N, C-alpha and C. Protein backbone atom coordinates (compact mmCIF):
# COMPACT_ATOMS: atom_id res chain seq x y z
N VAL A 1 45.80 9.65 -46.95
CA VAL A 1 46.16 9.68 -46.03
C VAL A 1 47.67 10.68 -47.24
N GLY A 2 47.30 10.24 -48.45
CA GLY A 2 47.92 12.15 -49.13
C GLY A 2 47.95 12.99 -49.08
N SER A 3 46.84 13.08 -48.32
CA SER A 3 46.29 14.97 -48.29
C SER A 3 47.97 15.36 -47.03
N LEU A 4 46.42 13.81 -45.97
CA LEU A 4 47.48 14.58 -44.82
C LEU A 4 50.09 15.27 -45.27
N ARG A 5 50.15 15.17 -46.19
CA ARG A 5 51.36 14.57 -46.11
C ARG A 5 51.49 16.35 -47.32
N THR A 6 50.58 17.05 -48.25
CA THR A 6 50.54 18.47 -48.76
C THR A 6 50.97 19.59 -48.06
N GLU A 7 52.17 20.05 -48.37
CA GLU A 7 52.80 21.47 -48.52
C GLU A 7 51.94 22.21 -48.72
N GLU A 8 51.96 23.57 -47.08
CA GLU A 8 51.03 24.88 -48.36
C GLU A 8 51.57 25.45 -46.36
N ILE A 9 51.42 26.75 -46.84
CA ILE A 9 51.23 27.98 -46.38
C ILE A 9 49.84 28.55 -45.45
N ARG A 10 50.01 27.93 -43.78
CA ARG A 10 49.03 28.04 -43.56
C ARG A 10 48.37 29.24 -42.63
N PRO A 11 46.90 29.63 -42.10
CA PRO A 11 47.32 30.50 -40.98
C PRO A 11 47.25 30.50 -39.50
N PRO A 12 47.93 31.37 -38.95
CA PRO A 12 48.38 30.86 -37.31
C PRO A 12 47.81 29.47 -36.49
N LEU A 13 48.00 28.96 -36.08
CA LEU A 13 48.41 27.58 -36.48
C LEU A 13 46.66 27.60 -35.21
N ASP A 14 46.69 29.13 -34.08
CA ASP A 14 45.09 29.00 -33.27
C ASP A 14 43.30 29.25 -34.37
N GLU A 15 44.26 29.66 -35.30
CA GLU A 15 43.04 29.93 -36.58
C GLU A 15 42.51 28.35 -36.88
N SER A 16 43.84 27.77 -37.32
CA SER A 16 43.31 26.69 -38.56
C SER A 16 43.45 25.57 -37.52
N ILE A 17 43.73 25.45 -36.38
CA ILE A 17 42.67 24.22 -35.70
C ILE A 17 41.13 24.68 -35.58
N ARG A 18 40.89 25.65 -35.10
CA ARG A 18 39.52 26.10 -35.14
C ARG A 18 38.95 26.13 -36.59
N GLN A 19 39.02 26.14 -37.49
CA GLN A 19 38.56 25.66 -38.67
C GLN A 19 38.58 23.58 -38.79
N LEU A 20 39.50 23.24 -38.30
CA LEU A 20 39.42 22.28 -38.85
C LEU A 20 38.39 21.50 -38.00
N SER A 21 38.32 22.31 -36.22
CA SER A 21 37.09 21.66 -36.01
C SER A 21 35.72 21.70 -36.17
N VAL A 22 35.31 22.68 -37.08
CA VAL A 22 34.64 22.81 -37.61
C VAL A 22 34.23 21.70 -38.38
N ASP A 23 34.95 21.59 -39.44
CA ASP A 23 35.62 21.14 -40.67
C ASP A 23 35.31 19.22 -39.72
N ALA A 24 35.65 19.19 -38.69
CA ALA A 24 35.65 17.52 -38.26
C ALA A 24 34.28 16.49 -38.17
N GLY A 25 33.29 17.69 -38.16
CA GLY A 25 31.72 16.92 -37.94
C GLY A 25 31.87 16.94 -36.56
N ILE A 26 32.60 16.89 -35.79
CA ILE A 26 32.14 15.78 -34.18
C ILE A 26 32.46 17.78 -33.38
N ASN A 27 31.60 16.98 -32.26
CA ASN A 27 31.78 18.10 -30.87
C ASN A 27 33.29 18.24 -30.46
N VAL A 28 33.70 19.83 -30.77
CA VAL A 28 35.23 20.52 -29.83
C VAL A 28 34.50 20.97 -29.94
N ASP A 29 35.33 21.40 -28.14
CA ASP A 29 35.82 21.85 -27.77
C ASP A 29 37.49 22.62 -27.59
N ILE A 30 37.25 24.05 -27.96
CA ILE A 30 39.21 24.25 -28.04
C ILE A 30 38.68 25.25 -26.41
N GLN A 31 40.39 24.95 -26.27
CA GLN A 31 41.07 25.64 -25.86
C GLN A 31 42.53 26.36 -26.13
N ILE A 32 42.58 27.94 -26.10
CA ILE A 32 43.79 28.19 -25.88
C ILE A 32 44.62 28.79 -24.70
N ASP A 33 45.41 28.38 -24.77
CA ASP A 33 46.06 28.73 -22.84
C ASP A 33 47.66 29.52 -23.34
N GLY A 34 47.74 30.53 -23.19
CA GLY A 34 48.70 32.02 -23.25
C GLY A 34 47.92 32.72 -24.92
N GLU A 35 49.40 33.63 -25.13
CA GLU A 35 49.12 34.59 -26.14
C GLU A 35 49.78 33.39 -27.31
N PRO A 36 48.25 33.72 -28.58
CA PRO A 36 48.78 32.56 -29.33
C PRO A 36 50.29 33.39 -30.22
N ARG A 37 50.99 32.71 -30.80
CA ARG A 37 51.97 33.23 -31.33
C ARG A 37 52.26 32.60 -32.92
N ARG A 38 52.80 33.35 -34.07
CA ARG A 38 53.72 32.76 -35.14
C ARG A 38 54.62 31.59 -34.88
N LEU A 39 53.84 31.28 -35.84
CA LEU A 39 56.05 29.54 -35.34
C LEU A 39 56.06 29.75 -36.12
N SER A 40 57.64 28.96 -36.50
CA SER A 40 57.57 28.59 -37.53
C SER A 40 57.00 27.43 -38.81
N GLU A 41 56.80 27.48 -39.33
CA GLU A 41 56.78 26.38 -40.81
C GLU A 41 56.77 25.63 -40.77
N ALA A 42 57.38 25.12 -40.55
CA ALA A 42 57.58 23.55 -39.81
C ALA A 42 56.89 22.83 -38.36
N ALA A 43 56.98 24.14 -37.24
CA ALA A 43 56.33 24.03 -36.39
C ALA A 43 54.93 23.67 -36.42
N ASN A 44 54.63 24.69 -37.87
CA ASN A 44 53.01 25.22 -37.43
C ASN A 44 52.36 24.43 -38.03
N HIS A 45 53.07 23.27 -39.47
CA HIS A 45 53.16 22.65 -40.07
C HIS A 45 52.10 21.40 -39.62
N ALA A 46 53.42 20.67 -38.32
CA ALA A 46 53.41 19.38 -38.19
C ALA A 46 52.41 19.59 -37.16
N LEU A 47 52.30 20.09 -36.55
CA LEU A 47 51.24 19.86 -35.41
C LEU A 47 49.77 20.85 -36.22
N PHE A 48 49.48 21.41 -36.56
CA PHE A 48 47.87 21.05 -38.22
C PHE A 48 48.16 19.78 -38.55
N ARG A 49 49.10 19.27 -38.94
CA ARG A 49 48.68 18.21 -38.96
C ARG A 49 48.70 16.96 -37.97
N ALA A 50 49.25 17.26 -37.01
CA ALA A 50 49.12 16.35 -35.52
C ALA A 50 47.43 16.93 -34.83
N ALA A 51 47.20 18.24 -35.37
CA ALA A 51 45.48 18.09 -35.07
C ALA A 51 44.75 17.57 -35.96
N GLN A 52 45.02 18.01 -37.51
CA GLN A 52 44.20 16.92 -37.91
C GLN A 52 44.13 15.21 -38.51
N GLU A 53 45.12 15.11 -38.27
CA GLU A 53 44.98 13.62 -37.38
C GLU A 53 44.69 12.79 -36.64
N GLY A 54 44.59 14.16 -35.88
CA GLY A 54 44.01 13.31 -34.16
C GLY A 54 42.46 13.71 -34.21
N LEU A 55 41.74 14.94 -34.85
CA LEU A 55 40.31 14.84 -35.09
C LEU A 55 39.90 14.42 -35.78
N THR A 56 40.73 14.10 -37.22
CA THR A 56 40.41 12.23 -37.41
C THR A 56 40.13 11.21 -37.84
N ASN A 57 41.48 10.45 -36.54
CA ASN A 57 40.91 9.80 -35.33
C ASN A 57 39.47 9.74 -34.91
N ILE A 58 39.18 10.63 -34.11
CA ILE A 58 37.85 10.68 -33.49
C ILE A 58 37.33 10.36 -33.94
N ARG A 59 36.67 11.21 -35.60
CA ARG A 59 36.12 11.21 -35.93
C ARG A 59 35.08 10.19 -36.75
N LYS A 60 36.60 9.03 -37.29
CA LYS A 60 36.95 7.59 -38.14
C LYS A 60 37.42 6.28 -36.57
N HIS A 61 37.39 6.56 -35.66
CA HIS A 61 37.23 5.78 -34.31
C HIS A 61 36.66 5.27 -33.42
N ALA A 62 36.25 7.01 -32.35
CA ALA A 62 36.22 6.86 -31.19
C ALA A 62 34.75 6.30 -30.57
N GLN A 63 33.92 6.40 -31.26
CA GLN A 63 32.71 6.80 -31.49
C GLN A 63 32.92 7.53 -29.86
N ALA A 64 33.51 8.97 -29.87
CA ALA A 64 33.40 9.61 -28.95
C ALA A 64 31.33 10.84 -28.94
N ASN A 65 31.51 11.13 -28.25
CA ASN A 65 29.91 12.02 -27.59
C ASN A 65 30.31 13.30 -28.12
N HIS A 66 32.53 13.61 -27.49
CA HIS A 66 33.19 14.83 -27.19
C HIS A 66 34.37 14.53 -27.36
N SER A 67 35.07 15.75 -27.74
CA SER A 67 36.55 15.61 -27.80
C SER A 67 36.72 17.32 -27.36
N TRP A 68 37.87 17.41 -27.19
CA TRP A 68 38.47 18.54 -26.71
C TRP A 68 40.37 18.33 -27.29
N VAL A 69 39.81 20.31 -27.36
CA VAL A 69 41.40 20.55 -28.12
C VAL A 69 42.28 22.06 -27.25
N LYS A 70 42.99 21.57 -26.97
CA LYS A 70 43.85 22.30 -25.91
C LYS A 70 45.44 22.91 -27.35
N LEU A 71 45.39 23.95 -27.42
CA LEU A 71 46.58 25.00 -27.83
C LEU A 71 47.24 25.66 -26.37
N ASP A 72 48.24 25.55 -26.26
CA ASP A 72 49.24 25.72 -25.45
C ASP A 72 50.24 26.70 -25.13
N PHE A 73 49.90 27.87 -25.48
CA PHE A 73 51.55 28.57 -25.53
C PHE A 73 52.02 29.08 -24.67
N ALA A 74 51.34 28.98 -23.51
CA ALA A 74 52.27 29.30 -22.45
C ALA A 74 53.46 29.52 -22.02
N ASP A 75 53.66 28.61 -22.14
CA ASP A 75 55.94 28.28 -22.11
C ASP A 75 56.42 28.53 -23.68
N PRO A 76 57.04 30.52 -23.94
CA PRO A 76 57.15 30.88 -24.40
C PRO A 76 58.62 29.70 -25.14
N ALA A 77 58.88 28.55 -24.46
CA ALA A 77 60.74 27.70 -24.99
C ALA A 77 59.83 26.40 -25.98
N ARG A 78 58.01 26.29 -25.67
CA ARG A 78 57.09 25.14 -26.60
C ARG A 78 56.18 25.36 -26.41
N THR A 79 55.50 25.19 -27.50
CA THR A 79 53.97 25.00 -28.12
C THR A 79 53.44 23.23 -27.67
N ARG A 80 52.85 23.35 -27.33
CA ARG A 80 51.77 22.03 -27.29
C ARG A 80 50.86 21.76 -27.68
N LEU A 81 50.05 21.03 -28.10
CA LEU A 81 48.77 20.32 -28.70
C LEU A 81 48.69 19.21 -27.32
N VAL A 82 46.97 19.16 -27.86
CA VAL A 82 46.43 17.91 -26.57
C VAL A 82 45.53 17.67 -26.75
N ILE A 83 44.43 16.76 -28.29
CA ILE A 83 43.81 16.46 -28.74
C ILE A 83 42.81 15.03 -27.28
N GLU A 84 41.93 15.20 -26.74
CA GLU A 84 41.09 14.21 -26.33
C GLU A 84 39.84 13.99 -26.56
N ASP A 85 38.90 12.69 -26.29
CA ASP A 85 38.00 12.60 -26.18
C ASP A 85 37.46 11.67 -25.43
N ASP A 86 36.12 11.40 -25.42
CA ASP A 86 35.38 10.23 -24.52
C ASP A 86 35.14 8.83 -25.23
N GLY A 87 35.63 9.33 -26.07
CA GLY A 87 34.90 7.43 -27.10
C GLY A 87 35.11 6.03 -26.50
N GLN A 88 34.98 5.55 -26.84
CA GLN A 88 35.64 3.87 -26.76
C GLN A 88 37.65 3.85 -25.98
N GLY A 89 38.19 4.74 -26.89
CA GLY A 89 39.38 4.47 -25.72
C GLY A 89 40.55 3.56 -26.81
N PRO A 90 42.15 3.46 -26.31
CA PRO A 90 42.52 2.55 -28.22
C PRO A 90 42.17 1.71 -28.33
N SER A 91 42.34 1.36 -29.18
CA SER A 91 41.83 -0.44 -30.39
C SER A 91 43.16 -1.52 -29.05
N THR A 92 42.69 -3.11 -28.68
CA THR A 92 43.43 -3.77 -27.89
C THR A 92 44.38 -3.99 -28.63
N GLN A 93 44.61 -3.86 -30.14
CA GLN A 93 45.64 -4.41 -30.83
C GLN A 93 46.63 -3.80 -31.38
N THR A 94 47.52 -3.13 -30.50
CA THR A 94 48.09 -2.83 -30.34
C THR A 94 49.83 -3.40 -31.80
N SER A 95 49.69 -4.31 -32.15
CA SER A 95 50.59 -4.70 -33.37
C SER A 95 50.04 -3.74 -34.40
N ASN A 96 48.92 -2.98 -34.70
CA ASN A 96 48.27 -1.77 -36.24
C ASN A 96 49.10 -0.56 -36.04
N ALA A 97 49.83 0.14 -35.02
CA ALA A 97 49.88 1.26 -35.48
C ALA A 97 49.54 1.55 -36.40
N GLY A 98 48.77 2.72 -36.37
CA GLY A 98 48.86 3.14 -37.66
C GLY A 98 49.78 4.57 -38.63
N PHE A 99 49.42 4.20 -39.70
CA PHE A 99 50.36 5.35 -40.57
C PHE A 99 50.62 6.87 -39.61
N GLY A 100 49.44 7.10 -39.85
CA GLY A 100 48.95 9.14 -39.66
C GLY A 100 49.76 8.95 -38.30
N LEU A 101 49.89 7.98 -37.32
CA LEU A 101 50.49 8.65 -35.75
C LEU A 101 51.90 8.21 -35.72
N GLN A 102 52.06 7.09 -36.58
CA GLN A 102 53.95 6.65 -36.69
C GLN A 102 54.26 8.56 -37.58
N GLY A 103 53.90 8.54 -38.39
CA GLY A 103 54.29 10.39 -39.53
C GLY A 103 54.03 10.94 -38.38
N MET A 104 52.76 11.43 -37.41
CA MET A 104 52.93 12.17 -36.51
C MET A 104 54.10 11.89 -36.13
N ASN A 105 54.90 11.30 -35.26
CA ASN A 105 55.86 10.79 -34.50
C ASN A 105 56.98 10.97 -35.20
N GLU A 106 57.34 10.69 -36.57
CA GLU A 106 58.53 11.51 -37.33
C GLU A 106 58.24 13.08 -37.40
N ARG A 107 57.08 13.09 -37.86
CA ARG A 107 57.81 14.57 -38.40
C ARG A 107 57.81 15.84 -36.62
N ILE A 108 57.28 15.07 -35.95
CA ILE A 108 57.25 16.04 -34.78
C ILE A 108 59.10 15.25 -34.34
N GLU A 109 59.58 14.41 -34.26
CA GLU A 109 60.37 14.15 -33.35
C GLU A 109 60.96 15.24 -34.27
N LEU A 110 61.39 15.10 -35.65
CA LEU A 110 62.14 16.14 -36.59
C LEU A 110 62.65 17.21 -36.16
N LEU A 111 61.19 17.97 -35.39
CA LEU A 111 61.72 18.70 -34.75
C LEU A 111 61.85 19.32 -33.28
N GLY A 112 63.07 18.64 -32.90
CA GLY A 112 63.10 18.41 -31.31
C GLY A 112 61.82 18.12 -30.51
N GLY A 113 60.89 17.78 -31.06
CA GLY A 113 59.75 17.70 -30.01
C GLY A 113 59.01 16.43 -29.94
N ARG A 114 58.22 15.71 -28.99
CA ARG A 114 57.60 14.38 -28.66
C ARG A 114 56.18 13.89 -28.42
N VAL A 115 56.13 13.30 -28.99
CA VAL A 115 54.19 12.70 -29.40
C VAL A 115 54.42 11.50 -27.99
N SER A 116 53.09 11.73 -27.38
CA SER A 116 52.43 10.32 -26.97
C SER A 116 50.99 10.18 -26.71
N SER A 117 50.75 9.24 -26.68
CA SER A 117 49.23 8.74 -26.42
C SER A 117 48.87 7.61 -25.73
N GLY A 118 47.99 7.45 -25.78
CA GLY A 118 46.98 6.20 -24.94
C GLY A 118 45.61 7.00 -24.46
N PRO A 119 45.06 5.51 -23.44
CA PRO A 119 44.07 6.27 -23.25
C PRO A 119 44.06 7.31 -21.54
N ARG A 120 43.53 8.06 -22.21
CA ARG A 120 42.58 9.65 -21.78
C ARG A 120 41.86 8.80 -20.15
N HIS A 121 42.52 9.30 -18.52
CA HIS A 121 41.50 8.73 -18.13
C HIS A 121 40.15 9.78 -17.49
N GLY A 122 39.47 8.41 -17.19
CA GLY A 122 38.13 8.33 -17.33
C GLY A 122 37.62 7.84 -18.82
N GLY A 123 38.20 7.55 -19.66
CA GLY A 123 37.88 6.77 -20.61
C GLY A 123 38.20 7.18 -21.89
N GLY A 124 38.09 6.74 -22.79
CA GLY A 124 38.67 8.05 -24.44
C GLY A 124 39.78 7.87 -23.97
N PHE A 125 40.30 8.46 -25.43
CA PHE A 125 41.99 8.96 -25.93
C PHE A 125 42.28 10.05 -25.47
N SER A 126 43.83 10.41 -25.62
CA SER A 126 44.20 10.83 -25.13
C SER A 126 45.51 11.54 -26.14
N LEU A 127 45.49 12.07 -26.95
CA LEU A 127 47.00 12.25 -27.94
C LEU A 127 47.27 14.33 -27.36
N GLN A 128 49.44 14.40 -27.34
CA GLN A 128 49.98 15.25 -26.47
C GLN A 128 51.13 15.03 -27.54
N VAL A 129 50.74 16.08 -28.33
CA VAL A 129 51.71 16.48 -29.74
C VAL A 129 52.58 18.52 -28.65
N GLU A 130 54.54 18.14 -28.32
CA GLU A 130 54.93 18.99 -27.95
C GLU A 130 56.09 19.25 -28.62
N VAL A 131 56.07 21.03 -28.73
CA VAL A 131 57.10 20.73 -30.16
C VAL A 131 58.08 22.06 -29.46
N PRO A 132 59.38 22.19 -29.88
CA PRO A 132 59.99 24.06 -29.80
C PRO A 132 59.26 25.34 -30.03
N ALA A 133 58.97 25.76 -29.16
CA ALA A 133 58.68 27.30 -29.99
C ALA A 133 59.98 28.09 -30.68
């Protein structure tokens, strides 16, 4: 958890997410929609941490065969990150919400963004994060 809170300057988000997917050690397809653009450091950091948390959760909990990361720059007013997998889906125990998702929600809300997550249609899990561009 401590490493998720480390502050550092990062390369552009699309490059960082490509590297995260390599480091995750899981099968990840990456899709970039729209022209990648430089974001504020706060937005870049928050979306990077969301991707890091999402991919870590897939590796640790999902028992997935495949995962997808979509980074959407198409709307100039927002940037959207979607992480999905074909794994076992969310636990039936809703009382034990993880600190990572809680921290992600707090970080994104401070930017005026939103986070949604839950079962993916067709099985697995979906995490959607959106921040103002």
